[in-house]
Amino acid sequence: MRHFFLGRYHHPRVEERIFMFVDMKSSTTIAENLGHVRYFEMLKEYFSDLSSAVIDHAGAIYQYAGDEMIICWKLKDGLSNHNCMECFFDMRYRLEMQAQKYHVKFGVLPTFKAGLHYGTVTTGEIGSLKKEIIFTGDVLNTTARIQSLCNHFKAELLVSVDLVKTLNLPSTYTVKSVEESFLKGPIKPMELFSISMMGGK
């Protein structure tokens, strides 16, 4: 809302941003088991529990799309204290801390997988009846496709080589190359990494 009031994006701006696409695992099966109303109630709690971690790690929620959440950071904010990485593991930790609540209310603990990448976007305000700030750029499609490969590589988190090199992660993270992947569409082959946290959340 601050950006709307200040008019920051009345005219398009070019920015570097980190994006994380977060997708719930087995959402179709969960929805079928719970039914539409209870599934919607679970989604509300799930997104609320994840959102607190996003706020604490300087991120912003760009969009919700079904059971998917798109999170972004300005590049310097996402790199600072490894916020974009810490956010993923903090979200997972906070869900695990709420396991009893989910099992009692819904009979299942939702889990998620995610893809991370960064790049240049054009940012601006669109719409007349309903105004929104949107991002356009190849980084969005690429991040979505990275996330879509999590199942293929049996990974909870996949990160592009570009972001891994930029983050310069400390030894508390285990970084493992999964191979160079040919992402769908007109995107060059890209090395991807699965990342876990040693003795962490």
N, C-alpha and C. Protein backbone atom coordinates (compact mmCIF):
# COMPACT_ATOMS: atom_id res chain seq x y z
N MET A 1 0.82 -1.20 0.00
CA MET A 1 0.00 0.00 0.00
C MET A 1 0.86 1.26 0.00
N ARG A 2 1.99 1.21 0.68
CA ARG A 2 2.89 2.37 0.72
C ARG A 2 3.33 2.77 -0.68
N HIS A 3 3.58 1.76 -1.55
CA HIS A 3 4.00 2.05 -2.92
C HIS A 3 2.89 2.74 -3.70
N PHE A 4 1.61 2.33 -3.46
CA PHE A 4 0.50 2.98 -4.13
C PHE A 4 0.40 4.45 -3.71
N PHE A 5 0.46 4.71 -2.40
CA PHE A 5 0.30 6.07 -1.90
C PHE A 5 1.42 6.98 -2.38
N LEU A 6 2.63 6.43 -2.43
CA LEU A 6 3.78 7.23 -2.86
C LEU A 6 3.88 7.37 -4.38
N GLY A 7 3.08 6.56 -5.10
CA GLY A 7 3.13 6.60 -6.55
C GLY A 7 4.43 6.07 -7.12
N ARG A 8 5.09 5.19 -6.37
CA ARG A 8 6.41 4.72 -6.75
C ARG A 8 6.41 4.01 -8.10
N TYR A 9 5.30 3.32 -8.42
CA TYR A 9 5.28 2.52 -9.64
C TYR A 9 4.27 3.02 -10.66
N HIS A 10 3.93 4.33 -10.60
CA HIS A 10 3.08 4.91 -11.65
C HIS A 10 3.75 4.74 -13.01
N HIS A 11 5.05 4.85 -13.04
CA HIS A 11 5.82 4.65 -14.27
C HIS A 11 6.69 3.40 -14.08
N PRO A 12 6.80 2.57 -15.11
CA PRO A 12 7.55 1.30 -14.98
C PRO A 12 8.98 1.53 -14.51
N ARG A 13 9.44 0.62 -13.66
CA ARG A 13 10.81 0.67 -13.15
C ARG A 13 11.47 -0.68 -13.42
N VAL A 14 12.74 -0.66 -13.68
CA VAL A 14 13.52 -1.89 -13.87
C VAL A 14 14.25 -2.18 -12.56
N GLU A 15 14.05 -3.40 -12.04
CA GLU A 15 14.62 -3.78 -10.75
C GLU A 15 15.20 -5.18 -10.84
N GLU A 16 16.09 -5.49 -9.92
CA GLU A 16 16.56 -6.86 -9.73
C GLU A 16 15.85 -7.43 -8.51
N ARG A 17 15.21 -8.58 -8.68
CA ARG A 17 14.45 -9.19 -7.59
C ARG A 17 14.69 -10.69 -7.53
N ILE A 18 14.59 -11.20 -6.32
CA ILE A 18 14.60 -12.64 -6.08
C ILE A 18 13.16 -13.11 -5.97
N PHE A 19 12.86 -14.24 -6.60
CA PHE A 19 11.51 -14.81 -6.51
C PHE A 19 11.60 -16.23 -5.95
N MET A 20 10.61 -16.56 -5.13
CA MET A 20 10.45 -17.93 -4.65
C MET A 20 9.02 -18.37 -4.93
N PHE A 21 8.88 -19.43 -5.69
CA PHE A 21 7.58 -20.04 -5.95
C PHE A 21 7.42 -21.21 -4.99
N VAL A 22 6.39 -21.14 -4.15
CA VAL A 22 6.13 -22.15 -3.12
C VAL A 22 4.85 -22.89 -3.49
N ASP A 23 4.95 -24.21 -3.59
CA ASP A 23 3.81 -25.02 -4.03
C ASP A 23 3.53 -26.14 -3.02
N MET A 24 2.28 -26.26 -2.59
CA MET A 24 1.91 -27.29 -1.64
C MET A 24 2.03 -28.67 -2.28
N LYS A 25 2.58 -29.62 -1.52
CA LYS A 25 2.68 -30.99 -2.01
C LYS A 25 1.33 -31.70 -1.89
N SER A 26 1.02 -32.54 -2.88
CA SER A 26 -0.17 -33.41 -2.85
C SER A 26 -1.45 -32.63 -2.58
N SER A 27 -1.54 -31.41 -3.10
CA SER A 27 -2.70 -30.57 -2.82
C SER A 27 -4.00 -31.15 -3.39
N THR A 28 -3.93 -31.78 -4.55
CA THR A 28 -5.13 -32.35 -5.15
C THR A 28 -5.71 -33.45 -4.27
N THR A 29 -4.83 -34.32 -3.78
CA THR A 29 -5.28 -35.41 -2.90
C THR A 29 -5.86 -34.86 -1.60
N ILE A 30 -5.19 -33.86 -1.04
CA ILE A 30 -5.67 -33.26 0.20
C ILE A 30 -7.04 -32.63 0.00
N ALA A 31 -7.21 -31.91 -1.10
CA ALA A 31 -8.49 -31.26 -1.39
C ALA A 31 -9.60 -32.29 -1.56
N GLU A 32 -9.30 -33.40 -2.24
CA GLU A 32 -10.30 -34.44 -2.44
C GLU A 32 -10.71 -35.07 -1.11
N ASN A 33 -9.75 -35.25 -0.20
CA ASN A 33 -10.05 -35.87 1.09
C ASN A 33 -10.81 -34.94 2.02
N LEU A 34 -10.50 -33.65 1.97
CA LEU A 34 -11.12 -32.70 2.89
C LEU A 34 -12.45 -32.14 2.37
N GLY A 35 -12.60 -32.07 1.06
CA GLY A 35 -13.74 -31.36 0.50
C GLY A 35 -13.41 -29.88 0.36
N HIS A 36 -14.18 -29.18 -0.48
CA HIS A 36 -13.82 -27.81 -0.86
C HIS A 36 -13.78 -26.85 0.33
N VAL A 37 -14.77 -26.92 1.21
CA VAL A 37 -14.86 -25.94 2.29
C VAL A 37 -13.74 -26.12 3.30
N ARG A 38 -13.52 -27.35 3.78
CA ARG A 38 -12.47 -27.60 4.76
C ARG A 38 -11.09 -27.38 4.15
N TYR A 39 -10.94 -27.69 2.87
CA TYR A 39 -9.67 -27.43 2.20
C TYR A 39 -9.39 -25.93 2.17
N PHE A 40 -10.41 -25.13 1.88
CA PHE A 40 -10.25 -23.68 1.86
C PHE A 40 -9.86 -23.18 3.25
N GLU A 41 -10.50 -23.72 4.29
CA GLU A 41 -10.17 -23.33 5.66
C GLU A 41 -8.71 -23.67 6.00
N MET A 42 -8.27 -24.84 5.51
CA MET A 42 -6.88 -25.22 5.75
C MET A 42 -5.92 -24.28 5.01
N LEU A 43 -6.27 -23.92 3.76
CA LEU A 43 -5.43 -23.00 2.99
C LEU A 43 -5.25 -21.67 3.72
N LYS A 44 -6.33 -21.16 4.30
CA LYS A 44 -6.25 -19.89 5.02
C LYS A 44 -5.24 -19.98 6.17
N GLU A 45 -5.29 -21.06 6.93
CA GLU A 45 -4.35 -21.21 8.04
C GLU A 45 -2.93 -21.45 7.55
N TYR A 46 -2.82 -22.25 6.50
CA TYR A 46 -1.51 -22.55 5.90
C TYR A 46 -0.82 -21.28 5.42
N PHE A 47 -1.52 -20.45 4.66
CA PHE A 47 -0.93 -19.22 4.16
C PHE A 47 -0.62 -18.25 5.31
N SER A 48 -1.48 -18.22 6.31
CA SER A 48 -1.24 -17.34 7.46
C SER A 48 0.02 -17.76 8.21
N ASP A 49 0.19 -19.06 8.41
CA ASP A 49 1.38 -19.55 9.12
C ASP A 49 2.66 -19.29 8.32
N LEU A 50 2.58 -19.40 7.00
CA LEU A 50 3.76 -19.13 6.18
C LEU A 50 4.08 -17.64 6.12
N SER A 51 3.05 -16.82 6.15
CA SER A 51 3.24 -15.37 5.96
C SER A 51 4.08 -14.73 7.04
N SER A 52 3.98 -15.22 8.26
CA SER A 52 4.75 -14.61 9.35
C SER A 52 6.25 -14.76 9.10
N ALA A 53 6.66 -15.88 8.52
CA ALA A 53 8.07 -16.08 8.19
C ALA A 53 8.51 -15.15 7.07
N VAL A 54 7.63 -14.92 6.11
CA VAL A 54 7.94 -14.01 5.00
C VAL A 54 8.21 -12.61 5.54
N ILE A 55 7.34 -12.15 6.42
CA ILE A 55 7.50 -10.81 7.02
C ILE A 55 8.81 -10.72 7.78
N ASP A 56 9.10 -11.75 8.59
CA ASP A 56 10.30 -11.72 9.42
C ASP A 56 11.60 -11.76 8.62
N HIS A 57 11.50 -12.18 7.35
CA HIS A 57 12.70 -12.26 6.51
C HIS A 57 12.65 -11.28 5.35
N ALA A 58 11.96 -10.15 5.59
CA ALA A 58 11.99 -8.99 4.68
C ALA A 58 11.43 -9.26 3.30
N GLY A 59 10.59 -10.29 3.18
CA GLY A 59 9.99 -10.61 1.90
C GLY A 59 8.63 -9.96 1.71
N ALA A 60 8.08 -10.10 0.52
CA ALA A 60 6.74 -9.63 0.20
C ALA A 60 6.01 -10.73 -0.57
N ILE A 61 4.75 -10.89 -0.28
CA ILE A 61 3.95 -11.87 -1.02
C ILE A 61 3.40 -11.19 -2.26
N TYR A 62 3.84 -11.65 -3.40
CA TYR A 62 3.42 -11.06 -4.67
C TYR A 62 2.04 -11.56 -5.07
N GLN A 63 1.83 -12.87 -5.02
CA GLN A 63 0.56 -13.44 -5.46
C GLN A 63 0.27 -14.74 -4.75
N TYR A 64 -1.03 -15.03 -4.65
CA TYR A 64 -1.50 -16.38 -4.34
C TYR A 64 -2.15 -16.91 -5.61
N ALA A 65 -1.88 -18.15 -5.94
CA ALA A 65 -2.50 -18.78 -7.11
C ALA A 65 -2.89 -20.20 -6.71
N GLY A 66 -4.15 -20.38 -6.29
CA GLY A 66 -4.57 -21.68 -5.79
C GLY A 66 -3.82 -22.00 -4.52
N ASP A 67 -3.06 -23.09 -4.53
CA ASP A 67 -2.27 -23.45 -3.34
C ASP A 67 -0.82 -22.97 -3.45
N GLU A 68 -0.55 -22.11 -4.42
CA GLU A 68 0.81 -21.62 -4.64
C GLU A 68 0.95 -20.20 -4.11
N MET A 69 2.10 -19.93 -3.52
CA MET A 69 2.45 -18.60 -3.04
C MET A 69 3.70 -18.13 -3.77
N ILE A 70 3.67 -16.90 -4.26
CA ILE A 70 4.84 -16.32 -4.92
C ILE A 70 5.38 -15.21 -4.02
N ILE A 71 6.62 -15.37 -3.60
CA ILE A 71 7.27 -14.44 -2.68
C ILE A 71 8.41 -13.75 -3.43
N CYS A 72 8.65 -12.48 -3.12
CA CYS A 72 9.76 -11.79 -3.77
C CYS A 72 10.48 -10.87 -2.80
N TRP A 73 11.71 -10.56 -3.18
CA TRP A 73 12.56 -9.64 -2.43
C TRP A 73 13.27 -8.73 -3.43
N LYS A 74 13.47 -7.48 -3.06
CA LYS A 74 14.49 -6.71 -3.77
C LYS A 74 15.81 -7.43 -3.53
N LEU A 75 16.68 -7.39 -4.51
CA LEU A 75 17.88 -8.22 -4.45
C LEU A 75 18.66 -8.01 -3.15
N LYS A 76 18.89 -6.77 -2.77
CA LYS A 76 19.71 -6.53 -1.57
C LYS A 76 19.02 -7.06 -0.31
N ASP A 77 17.69 -6.98 -0.27
CA ASP A 77 16.97 -7.47 0.91
C ASP A 77 16.99 -9.00 0.99
N GLY A 78 16.88 -9.65 -0.16
CA GLY A 78 16.89 -11.12 -0.18
C GLY A 78 18.26 -11.69 0.13
N LEU A 79 19.32 -10.97 -0.27
CA LEU A 79 20.68 -11.43 0.01
C LEU A 79 21.10 -11.15 1.44
N SER A 80 20.60 -10.06 2.01
CA SER A 80 20.98 -9.68 3.37
C SER A 80 20.62 -10.78 4.36
N ASN A 81 21.60 -11.24 5.10
CA ASN A 81 21.41 -12.32 6.08
C ASN A 81 20.83 -13.59 5.44
N HIS A 82 21.03 -13.73 4.12
CA HIS A 82 20.49 -14.87 3.37
C HIS A 82 18.98 -15.00 3.59
N ASN A 83 18.29 -13.84 3.60
CA ASN A 83 16.86 -13.83 3.91
C ASN A 83 16.03 -14.78 3.06
N CYS A 84 16.33 -14.82 1.76
CA CYS A 84 15.50 -15.64 0.88
C CYS A 84 15.63 -17.12 1.20
N MET A 85 16.81 -17.54 1.64
CA MET A 85 17.01 -18.94 2.02
C MET A 85 16.44 -19.21 3.40
N GLU A 86 16.74 -18.32 4.35
CA GLU A 86 16.26 -18.49 5.71
C GLU A 86 14.74 -18.53 5.75
N CYS A 87 14.11 -17.78 4.87
CA CYS A 87 12.65 -17.75 4.82
C CYS A 87 12.08 -19.13 4.54
N PHE A 88 12.65 -19.84 3.58
CA PHE A 88 12.16 -21.18 3.25
C PHE A 88 12.21 -22.09 4.46
N PHE A 89 13.34 -22.14 5.13
CA PHE A 89 13.50 -23.06 6.25
C PHE A 89 12.69 -22.63 7.46
N ASP A 90 12.49 -21.32 7.61
CA ASP A 90 11.65 -20.83 8.70
C ASP A 90 10.18 -21.17 8.45
N MET A 91 9.73 -21.07 7.21
CA MET A 91 8.36 -21.45 6.88
C MET A 91 8.13 -22.93 7.19
N ARG A 92 9.08 -23.75 6.81
CA ARG A 92 8.95 -25.18 7.08
C ARG A 92 8.92 -25.46 8.57
N TYR A 93 9.79 -24.78 9.32
CA TYR A 93 9.84 -24.95 10.77
C TYR A 93 8.52 -24.54 11.43
N ARG A 94 7.96 -23.42 10.99
CA ARG A 94 6.73 -22.93 11.61
C ARG A 94 5.55 -23.87 11.34
N LEU A 95 5.52 -24.46 10.17
CA LEU A 95 4.48 -25.45 9.90
C LEU A 95 4.65 -26.67 10.81
N GLU A 96 5.87 -27.14 10.93
CA GLU A 96 6.13 -28.31 11.78
C GLU A 96 5.73 -28.04 13.23
N MET A 97 5.93 -26.80 13.69
CA MET A 97 5.55 -26.45 15.06
C MET A 97 4.03 -26.43 15.24
N GLN A 98 3.30 -26.35 14.13
CA GLN A 98 1.84 -26.35 14.17
C GLN A 98 1.25 -27.71 13.78
N ALA A 99 2.08 -28.74 13.78
CA ALA A 99 1.65 -30.06 13.30
C ALA A 99 0.42 -30.57 14.04
N GLN A 100 0.41 -30.43 15.35
CA GLN A 100 -0.73 -30.94 16.11
C GLN A 100 -2.03 -30.24 15.71
N LYS A 101 -1.97 -28.93 15.54
CA LYS A 101 -3.15 -28.19 15.13
C LYS A 101 -3.70 -28.71 13.80
N TYR A 102 -2.82 -28.91 12.83
CA TYR A 102 -3.28 -29.36 11.51
C TYR A 102 -3.84 -30.78 11.58
N HIS A 103 -3.17 -31.64 12.34
CA HIS A 103 -3.65 -33.02 12.42
C HIS A 103 -5.01 -33.10 13.13
N VAL A 104 -5.20 -32.30 14.16
CA VAL A 104 -6.48 -32.31 14.88
C VAL A 104 -7.59 -31.73 14.01
N LYS A 105 -7.33 -30.62 13.35
CA LYS A 105 -8.38 -29.93 12.59
C LYS A 105 -8.62 -30.51 11.20
N PHE A 106 -7.54 -31.01 10.57
CA PHE A 106 -7.67 -31.41 9.17
C PHE A 106 -7.16 -32.83 8.88
N GLY A 107 -6.51 -33.44 9.84
CA GLY A 107 -6.02 -34.80 9.65
C GLY A 107 -4.80 -34.90 8.76
N VAL A 108 -4.14 -33.78 8.49
CA VAL A 108 -2.97 -33.79 7.62
C VAL A 108 -2.12 -32.56 7.90
N LEU A 109 -0.81 -32.68 7.80
CA LEU A 109 0.08 -31.54 7.89
C LEU A 109 0.55 -31.18 6.48
N PRO A 110 0.14 -30.03 5.96
CA PRO A 110 0.57 -29.66 4.60
C PRO A 110 2.07 -29.40 4.57
N THR A 111 2.70 -29.79 3.49
CA THR A 111 4.12 -29.52 3.26
C THR A 111 4.26 -28.87 1.90
N PHE A 112 5.45 -28.38 1.59
CA PHE A 112 5.61 -27.65 0.34
C PHE A 112 6.99 -27.85 -0.25
N LYS A 113 7.11 -27.47 -1.51
CA LYS A 113 8.38 -27.46 -2.22
C LYS A 113 8.51 -26.08 -2.85
N ALA A 114 9.75 -25.70 -3.22
CA ALA A 114 9.94 -24.34 -3.70
C ALA A 114 11.10 -24.25 -4.69
N GLY A 115 11.01 -23.25 -5.56
CA GLY A 115 12.08 -22.92 -6.48
C GLY A 115 12.49 -21.47 -6.28
N LEU A 116 13.79 -21.19 -6.38
CA LEU A 116 14.32 -19.84 -6.17
C LEU A 116 15.22 -19.43 -7.32
N HIS A 117 15.08 -18.18 -7.73
CA HIS A 117 15.89 -17.64 -8.82
C HIS A 117 15.86 -16.12 -8.70
N TYR A 118 16.78 -15.45 -9.38
CA TYR A 118 16.69 -13.98 -9.39
C TYR A 118 17.01 -13.46 -10.78
N GLY A 119 16.58 -12.23 -11.02
CA GLY A 119 16.84 -11.61 -12.30
C GLY A 119 16.18 -10.25 -12.39
N THR A 120 16.21 -9.70 -13.59
CA THR A 120 15.69 -8.36 -13.84
C THR A 120 14.20 -8.43 -14.19
N VAL A 121 13.43 -7.56 -13.58
CA VAL A 121 12.01 -7.45 -13.90
C VAL A 121 11.66 -5.99 -14.18
N THR A 122 10.59 -5.81 -14.94
CA THR A 122 9.99 -4.49 -15.06
C THR A 122 8.80 -4.46 -14.12
N THR A 123 8.75 -3.44 -13.28
CA THR A 123 7.74 -3.34 -12.24
C THR A 123 6.90 -2.09 -12.48
N GLY A 124 5.57 -2.26 -12.42
CA GLY A 124 4.72 -1.10 -12.63
C GLY A 124 3.30 -1.34 -12.19
N GLU A 125 2.55 -0.27 -12.13
CA GLU A 125 1.15 -0.32 -11.71
C GLU A 125 0.26 -0.43 -12.93
N ILE A 126 -0.71 -1.35 -12.89
CA ILE A 126 -1.67 -1.50 -13.98
C ILE A 126 -3.08 -1.50 -13.41
N GLY A 127 -4.06 -1.33 -14.33
CA GLY A 127 -5.46 -1.45 -13.94
C GLY A 127 -6.10 -0.11 -13.68
N SER A 128 -7.43 -0.07 -13.87
CA SER A 128 -8.20 1.13 -13.57
C SER A 128 -9.23 0.84 -12.49
N LEU A 129 -10.08 -0.19 -12.71
CA LEU A 129 -11.05 -0.57 -11.68
C LEU A 129 -10.36 -1.24 -10.50
N LYS A 130 -9.34 -2.01 -10.79
CA LYS A 130 -8.58 -2.70 -9.74
C LYS A 130 -7.10 -2.53 -10.04
N LYS A 131 -6.43 -1.76 -9.22
CA LYS A 131 -5.02 -1.48 -9.47
C LYS A 131 -4.14 -2.53 -8.81
N GLU A 132 -3.09 -2.92 -9.52
CA GLU A 132 -2.11 -3.87 -8.99
C GLU A 132 -0.73 -3.44 -9.42
N ILE A 133 0.25 -3.81 -8.62
CA ILE A 133 1.65 -3.68 -9.03
C ILE A 133 2.09 -5.05 -9.52
N ILE A 134 2.56 -5.12 -10.77
CA ILE A 134 2.93 -6.41 -11.35
C ILE A 134 4.40 -6.40 -11.77
N PHE A 135 4.93 -7.61 -11.93
CA PHE A 135 6.30 -7.80 -12.41
C PHE A 135 6.25 -8.55 -13.72
N THR A 136 7.06 -8.16 -14.66
CA THR A 136 7.20 -8.91 -15.90
C THR A 136 8.68 -9.16 -16.17
N GLY A 137 8.96 -10.35 -16.70
CA GLY A 137 10.35 -10.69 -17.00
C GLY A 137 10.52 -12.20 -17.03
N ASP A 138 11.57 -12.66 -17.70
CA ASP A 138 11.83 -14.10 -17.83
C ASP A 138 12.05 -14.78 -16.48
N VAL A 139 12.51 -14.02 -15.49
CA VAL A 139 12.81 -14.62 -14.19
C VAL A 139 11.58 -15.30 -13.58
N LEU A 140 10.40 -14.79 -13.84
CA LEU A 140 9.18 -15.39 -13.29
C LEU A 140 8.92 -16.76 -13.90
N ASN A 141 8.97 -16.84 -15.21
CA ASN A 141 8.77 -18.14 -15.88
C ASN A 141 9.85 -19.13 -15.48
N THR A 142 11.08 -18.65 -15.39
CA THR A 142 12.18 -19.54 -15.04
C THR A 142 12.02 -20.08 -13.62
N THR A 143 11.63 -19.22 -12.68
CA THR A 143 11.45 -19.67 -11.30
C THR A 143 10.33 -20.69 -11.21
N ALA A 144 9.24 -20.45 -11.93
CA ALA A 144 8.13 -21.41 -11.93
C ALA A 144 8.57 -22.76 -12.45
N ARG A 145 9.40 -22.77 -13.48
CA ARG A 145 9.86 -24.03 -14.06
C ARG A 145 10.88 -24.73 -13.17
N ILE A 146 11.68 -23.95 -12.46
CA ILE A 146 12.60 -24.56 -11.48
C ILE A 146 11.79 -25.28 -10.40
N GLN A 147 10.77 -24.60 -9.89
CA GLN A 147 9.92 -25.22 -8.87
C GLN A 147 9.26 -26.49 -9.38
N SER A 148 8.88 -26.50 -10.65
CA SER A 148 8.19 -27.66 -11.21
C SER A 148 9.09 -28.89 -11.30
N LEU A 149 10.41 -28.70 -11.19
CA LEU A 149 11.35 -29.83 -11.26
C LEU A 149 11.64 -30.45 -9.89
N CYS A 150 11.07 -29.89 -8.83
CA CYS A 150 11.33 -30.43 -7.49
C CYS A 150 10.94 -31.90 -7.40
N ASN A 151 9.79 -32.26 -7.93
CA ASN A 151 9.36 -33.66 -7.87
C ASN A 151 10.32 -34.56 -8.65
N HIS A 152 10.75 -34.08 -9.82
CA HIS A 152 11.64 -34.87 -10.66
C HIS A 152 12.94 -35.21 -9.92
N PHE A 153 13.47 -34.22 -9.19
CA PHE A 153 14.74 -34.43 -8.49
C PHE A 153 14.54 -34.83 -7.03
N LYS A 154 13.28 -35.06 -6.64
CA LYS A 154 12.96 -35.44 -5.25
C LYS A 154 13.59 -34.43 -4.27
N ALA A 155 13.40 -33.15 -4.57
CA ALA A 155 13.98 -32.07 -3.78
C ALA A 155 12.87 -31.18 -3.21
N GLU A 156 13.08 -30.71 -1.99
CA GLU A 156 12.14 -29.76 -1.40
C GLU A 156 12.44 -28.34 -1.84
N LEU A 157 13.71 -28.07 -2.16
CA LEU A 157 14.12 -26.73 -2.56
C LEU A 157 15.15 -26.83 -3.67
N LEU A 158 14.86 -26.16 -4.79
CA LEU A 158 15.80 -26.07 -5.90
C LEU A 158 16.13 -24.59 -6.15
N VAL A 159 17.41 -24.33 -6.36
CA VAL A 159 17.87 -22.95 -6.52
C VAL A 159 18.74 -22.87 -7.77
N SER A 160 18.59 -21.79 -8.52
CA SER A 160 19.37 -21.61 -9.75
C SER A 160 20.84 -21.37 -9.42
N VAL A 161 21.70 -21.73 -10.36
CA VAL A 161 23.14 -21.52 -10.20
C VAL A 161 23.44 -20.03 -10.03
N ASP A 162 22.69 -19.17 -10.73
CA ASP A 162 22.93 -17.72 -10.64
C ASP A 162 22.74 -17.24 -9.20
N LEU A 163 21.68 -17.69 -8.56
CA LEU A 163 21.40 -17.24 -7.20
C LEU A 163 22.37 -17.87 -6.20
N VAL A 164 22.71 -19.14 -6.39
CA VAL A 164 23.65 -19.80 -5.48
C VAL A 164 24.99 -19.04 -5.48
N LYS A 165 25.48 -18.66 -6.65
CA LYS A 165 26.75 -17.94 -6.74
C LYS A 165 26.65 -16.57 -6.09
N THR A 166 25.50 -15.93 -6.20
CA THR A 166 25.32 -14.59 -5.66
C THR A 166 25.17 -14.61 -4.14
N LEU A 167 24.55 -15.68 -3.61
CA LEU A 167 24.30 -15.78 -2.18
C LEU A 167 25.58 -16.03 -1.38
N ASN A 168 26.51 -16.81 -1.93
CA ASN A 168 27.74 -17.17 -1.19
C ASN A 168 27.38 -17.75 0.17
N LEU A 169 26.69 -18.87 0.16
CA LEU A 169 26.14 -19.46 1.38
C LEU A 169 27.22 -19.99 2.31
N PRO A 170 27.01 -19.87 3.62
CA PRO A 170 27.97 -20.40 4.60
C PRO A 170 27.88 -21.92 4.69
N SER A 171 28.77 -22.50 5.47
CA SER A 171 28.85 -23.96 5.56
C SER A 171 27.68 -24.60 6.30
N THR A 172 26.82 -23.78 6.90
CA THR A 172 25.65 -24.34 7.57
C THR A 172 24.63 -24.89 6.58
N TYR A 173 24.81 -24.56 5.31
CA TYR A 173 23.95 -25.08 4.25
C TYR A 173 24.67 -26.19 3.48
N THR A 174 23.93 -27.21 3.11
CA THR A 174 24.45 -28.25 2.23
C THR A 174 23.93 -27.97 0.83
N VAL A 175 24.86 -27.71 -0.09
CA VAL A 175 24.50 -27.33 -1.45
C VAL A 175 24.96 -28.43 -2.40
N LYS A 176 24.01 -28.99 -3.14
CA LYS A 176 24.32 -30.13 -4.00
C LYS A 176 23.76 -29.90 -5.40
N SER A 177 24.64 -30.00 -6.39
CA SER A 177 24.20 -29.85 -7.78
C SER A 177 23.37 -31.07 -8.18
N VAL A 178 22.24 -30.81 -8.85
CA VAL A 178 21.40 -31.93 -9.29
C VAL A 178 21.59 -32.23 -10.77
N GLU A 179 22.16 -31.35 -11.52
CA GLU A 179 22.55 -31.48 -12.92
C GLU A 179 22.08 -30.26 -13.68
N GLU A 180 22.58 -30.12 -14.88
CA GLU A 180 22.13 -29.04 -15.75
C GLU A 180 20.81 -29.46 -16.36
N SER A 181 19.81 -28.61 -16.21
CA SER A 181 18.45 -28.96 -16.64
C SER A 181 18.03 -28.12 -17.83
N PHE A 182 17.33 -28.77 -18.74
CA PHE A 182 16.76 -28.08 -19.88
C PHE A 182 15.34 -27.69 -19.51
N LEU A 183 15.16 -26.44 -19.11
CA LEU A 183 13.85 -25.97 -18.71
C LEU A 183 12.97 -25.78 -19.95
N LYS A 184 11.68 -25.96 -19.78
CA LYS A 184 10.76 -25.83 -20.91
C LYS A 184 10.76 -24.41 -21.44
N GLY A 185 10.51 -24.28 -22.74
CA GLY A 185 10.43 -22.96 -23.33
C GLY A 185 11.80 -22.46 -23.77
N PRO A 186 11.84 -21.20 -24.21
CA PRO A 186 13.09 -20.63 -24.74
C PRO A 186 14.03 -20.18 -23.63
N ILE A 187 14.42 -21.13 -22.77
CA ILE A 187 15.30 -20.82 -21.65
C ILE A 187 16.55 -21.67 -21.77
N LYS A 188 17.71 -21.05 -21.62
CA LYS A 188 18.96 -21.77 -21.77
C LYS A 188 19.09 -22.82 -20.66
N PRO A 189 19.85 -23.90 -20.93
CA PRO A 189 20.11 -24.89 -19.88
C PRO A 189 20.70 -24.22 -18.65
N MET A 190 20.31 -24.71 -17.48
CA MET A 190 20.74 -24.07 -16.24
C MET A 190 21.06 -25.12 -15.19
N GLU A 191 22.18 -24.97 -14.52
CA GLU A 191 22.51 -25.87 -13.42
C GLU A 191 21.66 -25.50 -12.20
N LEU A 192 21.10 -26.52 -11.58
CA LEU A 192 20.26 -26.32 -10.40
C LEU A 192 20.88 -27.01 -9.18
N PHE A 193 20.56 -26.48 -8.01
CA PHE A 193 21.11 -27.02 -6.77
C PHE A 193 19.98 -27.30 -5.78
N SER A 194 20.07 -28.45 -5.12
CA SER A 194 19.20 -28.70 -3.98
C SER A 194 19.94 -28.22 -2.74
N ILE A 195 19.21 -27.61 -1.82
CA ILE A 195 19.84 -27.02 -0.65
C ILE A 195 19.11 -27.47 0.60
N SER A 196 19.88 -27.89 1.58
CA SER A 196 19.34 -28.25 2.88
C SER A 196 20.16 -27.55 3.94
N MET A 197 19.67 -27.58 5.17
CA MET A 197 20.32 -26.86 6.25
C MET A 197 20.87 -27.88 7.25
N MET A 198 22.15 -27.77 7.55
CA MET A 198 22.79 -28.72 8.45
C MET A 198 22.40 -28.41 9.90
N GLY A 199 21.75 -29.38 10.52
CA GLY A 199 21.42 -29.23 11.94
C GLY A 199 20.52 -28.05 12.23
N GLY A 200 19.80 -27.58 11.19
CA GLY A 200 18.96 -26.41 11.37
C GLY A 200 17.50 -26.75 11.49
N LYS A 201 16.68 -25.80 11.11
CA LYS A 201 15.24 -25.95 11.24
C LYS A 201 14.73 -27.01 10.27
